[in-house]
């Protein structure tokens, strides 16, 4: 594990947190509103909390792992 792998993990963690913040502010309220209004007709489908839980996992675990694995290619790009 090199320095660039750790830098890649930190950069991608930051991108994951940014993605999570944007999703919480833009995506979740619309999904929640649609879910609650569809409860009247029993067509609500999947609870938005499950989608947000998966998104949290991908943002906080998946993105840093991607950055960790692609850190060496950043070394080749940056010199």
N, C-alpha and C. Protein backbone atom coordinates (compact mmCIF):
# COMPACT_ATOMS: atom_id res chain seq x y z
N UNK A 1 0.85 -1.16 0.00
CA UNK A 1 0.00 0.00 0.00
C UNK A 1 0.90 1.24 0.00
N UNK A 2 0.67 2.09 -0.96
CA UNK A 2 1.52 3.26 -1.09
C UNK A 2 0.79 4.51 -0.61
N UNK A 3 1.54 5.59 -0.62
CA UNK A 3 0.99 6.88 -0.24
C UNK A 3 -0.14 7.28 -1.18
N UNK A 4 0.01 6.99 -2.48
CA UNK A 4 -0.99 7.37 -3.47
C UNK A 4 -2.29 6.58 -3.28
N UNK A 5 -2.19 5.36 -2.82
CA UNK A 5 -3.41 4.59 -2.52
C UNK A 5 -4.20 5.25 -1.40
N UNK A 6 -3.50 5.71 -0.37
CA UNK A 6 -4.19 6.37 0.74
C UNK A 6 -4.76 7.72 0.32
N UNK A 7 -4.03 8.45 -0.49
CA UNK A 7 -4.55 9.73 -0.99
C UNK A 7 -5.78 9.49 -1.86
N UNK A 8 -5.73 8.47 -2.69
CA UNK A 8 -6.90 8.13 -3.51
C UNK A 8 -8.10 7.77 -2.67
N UNK A 9 -7.88 7.02 -1.59
CA UNK A 9 -8.97 6.65 -0.70
C UNK A 9 -9.58 7.88 -0.03
N UNK A 10 -8.73 8.81 0.39
CA UNK A 10 -9.24 10.02 1.05
C UNK A 10 -9.99 10.90 0.06
N UNK A 11 -9.47 11.02 -1.15
CA UNK A 11 -10.14 11.83 -2.18
C UNK A 11 -11.50 11.22 -2.52
N UNK A 12 -11.55 9.93 -2.70
CA UNK A 12 -12.81 9.29 -3.04
C UNK A 12 -13.77 9.27 -1.85
N UNK A 13 -13.25 9.25 -0.64
CA UNK A 13 -14.12 9.38 0.53
C UNK A 13 -14.76 10.76 0.54
N UNK A 14 -14.00 11.78 0.22
CA UNK A 14 -14.56 13.12 0.12
C UNK A 14 -15.63 13.22 -0.95
N UNK A 15 -15.37 12.60 -2.10
CA UNK A 15 -16.38 12.58 -3.17
C UNK A 15 -17.63 11.80 -2.74
N UNK A 16 -17.43 10.72 -2.00
CA UNK A 16 -18.57 9.95 -1.50
C UNK A 16 -19.40 10.73 -0.51
N UNK A 17 -18.75 11.47 0.37
CA UNK A 17 -19.48 12.29 1.34
C UNK A 17 -20.23 13.40 0.61
N UNK A 18 -19.61 14.01 -0.38
CA UNK A 18 -20.29 15.04 -1.17
C UNK A 18 -21.50 14.46 -1.89
N UNK A 19 -21.36 13.26 -2.46
CA UNK A 19 -22.47 12.61 -3.13
C UNK A 19 -23.60 12.31 -2.14
N UNK A 20 -23.26 11.89 -0.94
CA UNK A 20 -24.25 11.58 0.08
C UNK A 20 -24.99 12.83 0.53
N UNK A 21 -24.27 13.93 0.71
CA UNK A 21 -24.91 15.18 1.11
C UNK A 21 -25.87 15.67 0.03
N UNK A 22 -25.44 15.62 -1.22
CA UNK A 22 -26.32 16.05 -2.31
C UNK A 22 -27.55 15.16 -2.43
N UNK A 23 -27.38 13.87 -2.23
CA UNK A 23 -28.52 12.96 -2.31
C UNK A 23 -29.49 13.19 -1.16
N UNK A 24 -28.97 13.46 0.03
CA UNK A 24 -29.85 13.72 1.17
C UNK A 24 -30.65 15.00 0.98
N UNK A 25 -30.05 15.98 0.33
CA UNK A 25 -30.75 17.26 0.16
C UNK A 25 -31.64 17.30 -1.07
N UNK A 26 -31.32 16.57 -2.11
CA UNK A 26 -32.08 16.67 -3.35
C UNK A 26 -32.94 15.43 -3.62
N UNK A 27 -32.39 14.26 -3.44
CA UNK A 27 -33.06 13.03 -3.84
C UNK A 27 -34.02 12.50 -2.78
N UNK A 28 -33.59 12.45 -1.52
CA UNK A 28 -34.38 11.82 -0.48
C UNK A 28 -35.74 12.50 -0.25
N UNK A 29 -35.82 13.83 -0.19
CA UNK A 29 -37.16 14.43 0.02
C UNK A 29 -38.15 14.08 -1.09
N UNK A 30 -37.70 14.05 -2.32
CA UNK A 30 -38.60 13.70 -3.43
C UNK A 30 -39.04 12.24 -3.33
N UNK A 31 -38.11 11.36 -2.99
CA UNK A 31 -38.46 9.94 -2.85
C UNK A 31 -39.42 9.73 -1.69
N UNK A 32 -39.18 10.41 -0.58
CA UNK A 32 -40.03 10.27 0.59
C UNK A 32 -41.44 10.79 0.30
N UNK A 33 -41.53 11.93 -0.40
CA UNK A 33 -42.84 12.49 -0.73
C UNK A 33 -43.62 11.54 -1.63
N UNK A 34 -42.95 10.99 -2.65
CA UNK A 34 -43.61 10.06 -3.55
C UNK A 34 -44.04 8.79 -2.82
N UNK A 35 -43.21 8.32 -1.91
CA UNK A 35 -43.52 7.11 -1.14
C UNK A 35 -44.73 7.34 -0.24
N UNK A 36 -44.76 8.48 0.44
CA UNK A 36 -45.87 8.76 1.35
C UNK A 36 -47.17 8.99 0.59
N UNK A 37 -47.14 9.65 -0.55
CA UNK A 37 -48.37 9.87 -1.32
C UNK A 37 -48.86 8.59 -1.96
N UNK A 38 -47.98 7.65 -2.27
CA UNK A 38 -48.38 6.39 -2.88
C UNK A 38 -48.94 5.40 -1.84
N UNK A 39 -48.76 5.69 -0.57
CA UNK A 39 -49.32 4.80 0.46
C UNK A 39 -50.84 4.77 0.40
N UNK A 40 -51.44 5.84 -0.09
CA UNK A 40 -52.90 5.92 -0.17
C UNK A 40 -53.44 4.84 -1.10
N UNK A 41 -52.75 4.59 -2.19
CA UNK A 41 -53.21 3.61 -3.18
C UNK A 41 -52.50 2.26 -3.04
N UNK A 42 -51.66 2.11 -2.02
CA UNK A 42 -50.91 0.87 -1.79
C UNK A 42 -49.98 0.52 -2.96
N UNK A 43 -49.38 1.53 -3.57
CA UNK A 43 -48.43 1.31 -4.66
C UNK A 43 -47.07 1.90 -4.30
N UNK A 44 -46.76 1.93 -3.02
CA UNK A 44 -45.55 2.65 -2.59
C UNK A 44 -44.25 1.98 -2.99
N UNK A 45 -44.20 0.69 -3.08
CA UNK A 45 -42.97 0.01 -3.48
C UNK A 45 -41.92 0.02 -2.38
N UNK A 46 -40.68 0.22 -2.77
CA UNK A 46 -39.53 0.14 -1.86
C UNK A 46 -39.43 1.39 -0.98
N UNK A 47 -39.17 1.18 0.28
CA UNK A 47 -39.00 2.30 1.22
C UNK A 47 -37.73 3.07 0.87
N UNK A 48 -37.80 4.40 0.82
CA UNK A 48 -36.62 5.19 0.48
C UNK A 48 -35.47 5.05 1.49
N UNK A 49 -35.78 4.65 2.72
CA UNK A 49 -34.71 4.45 3.70
C UNK A 49 -33.76 3.34 3.26
N UNK A 50 -34.29 2.31 2.61
CA UNK A 50 -33.43 1.23 2.13
C UNK A 50 -32.49 1.72 1.04
N UNK A 51 -33.02 2.53 0.13
CA UNK A 51 -32.19 3.09 -0.92
C UNK A 51 -31.10 3.99 -0.34
N UNK A 52 -31.46 4.80 0.65
CA UNK A 52 -30.48 5.70 1.26
C UNK A 52 -29.45 4.92 2.07
N UNK A 53 -29.84 3.81 2.67
CA UNK A 53 -28.87 2.97 3.38
C UNK A 53 -27.86 2.38 2.41
N UNK A 54 -28.33 1.92 1.27
CA UNK A 54 -27.41 1.39 0.25
C UNK A 54 -26.50 2.50 -0.27
N UNK A 55 -27.05 3.69 -0.46
CA UNK A 55 -26.25 4.81 -0.92
C UNK A 55 -25.20 5.22 0.11
N UNK A 56 -25.56 5.17 1.39
CA UNK A 56 -24.59 5.47 2.45
C UNK A 56 -23.45 4.46 2.44
N UNK A 57 -23.79 3.19 2.29
CA UNK A 57 -22.76 2.16 2.26
C UNK A 57 -21.81 2.37 1.07
N UNK A 58 -22.39 2.64 -0.09
CA UNK A 58 -21.56 2.85 -1.27
C UNK A 58 -20.71 4.11 -1.14
N UNK A 59 -21.26 5.15 -0.54
CA UNK A 59 -20.53 6.41 -0.41
C UNK A 59 -19.40 6.32 0.61
N UNK A 60 -19.66 5.66 1.74
CA UNK A 60 -18.70 5.66 2.84
C UNK A 60 -17.77 4.46 2.85
N UNK A 61 -18.13 3.40 2.14
CA UNK A 61 -17.27 2.21 2.09
C UNK A 61 -16.79 1.93 0.66
N UNK A 62 -17.71 1.96 -0.28
CA UNK A 62 -17.37 1.62 -1.66
C UNK A 62 -16.45 2.63 -2.33
N UNK A 63 -16.76 3.91 -2.18
CA UNK A 63 -15.94 4.94 -2.82
C UNK A 63 -14.50 4.93 -2.31
N UNK A 64 -14.25 4.88 -0.99
CA UNK A 64 -12.85 4.80 -0.55
C UNK A 64 -12.13 3.55 -1.03
N UNK A 65 -12.84 2.43 -1.15
CA UNK A 65 -12.20 1.23 -1.68
C UNK A 65 -11.81 1.41 -3.13
N UNK A 66 -12.66 2.06 -3.90
CA UNK A 66 -12.32 2.35 -5.30
C UNK A 66 -11.08 3.23 -5.36
N UNK A 67 -11.05 4.27 -4.51
CA UNK A 67 -9.89 5.15 -4.47
C UNK A 67 -8.63 4.42 -4.04
N UNK A 68 -8.78 3.48 -3.12
CA UNK A 68 -7.64 2.71 -2.65
C UNK A 68 -7.06 1.85 -3.77
N UNK A 69 -7.93 1.27 -4.58
CA UNK A 69 -7.46 0.40 -5.66
C UNK A 69 -6.92 1.17 -6.85
N UNK A 70 -7.43 2.39 -7.08
CA UNK A 70 -6.97 3.18 -8.22
C UNK A 70 -5.94 4.22 -7.83
N UNK A 71 -5.38 4.15 -6.65
CA UNK A 71 -4.38 5.11 -6.22
C UNK A 71 -3.10 5.03 -7.01
N UNK A 72 -2.68 3.84 -7.39
CA UNK A 72 -1.45 3.69 -8.16
C UNK A 72 -1.56 4.30 -9.54
N UNK A 73 -2.75 4.27 -10.14
CA UNK A 73 -2.89 4.92 -11.43
C UNK A 73 -2.80 6.44 -11.30
N UNK A 74 -3.16 6.98 -10.13
CA UNK A 74 -2.96 8.42 -9.89
C UNK A 74 -1.48 8.73 -9.85
N UNK A 75 -0.68 7.79 -9.36
CA UNK A 75 0.77 7.98 -9.31
C UNK A 75 1.33 8.13 -10.72
N UNK A 76 0.85 7.30 -11.64
CA UNK A 76 1.31 7.38 -13.02
C UNK A 76 0.85 8.67 -13.70
N UNK A 77 -0.34 9.15 -13.37
CA UNK A 77 -0.87 10.35 -13.98
C UNK A 77 -0.15 11.59 -13.45
N UNK A 78 0.05 11.65 -12.12
CA UNK A 78 0.65 12.83 -11.49
C UNK A 78 2.16 12.85 -11.60
N UNK A 79 2.75 11.73 -11.85
CA UNK A 79 4.20 11.71 -12.04
C UNK A 79 4.90 11.12 -10.94
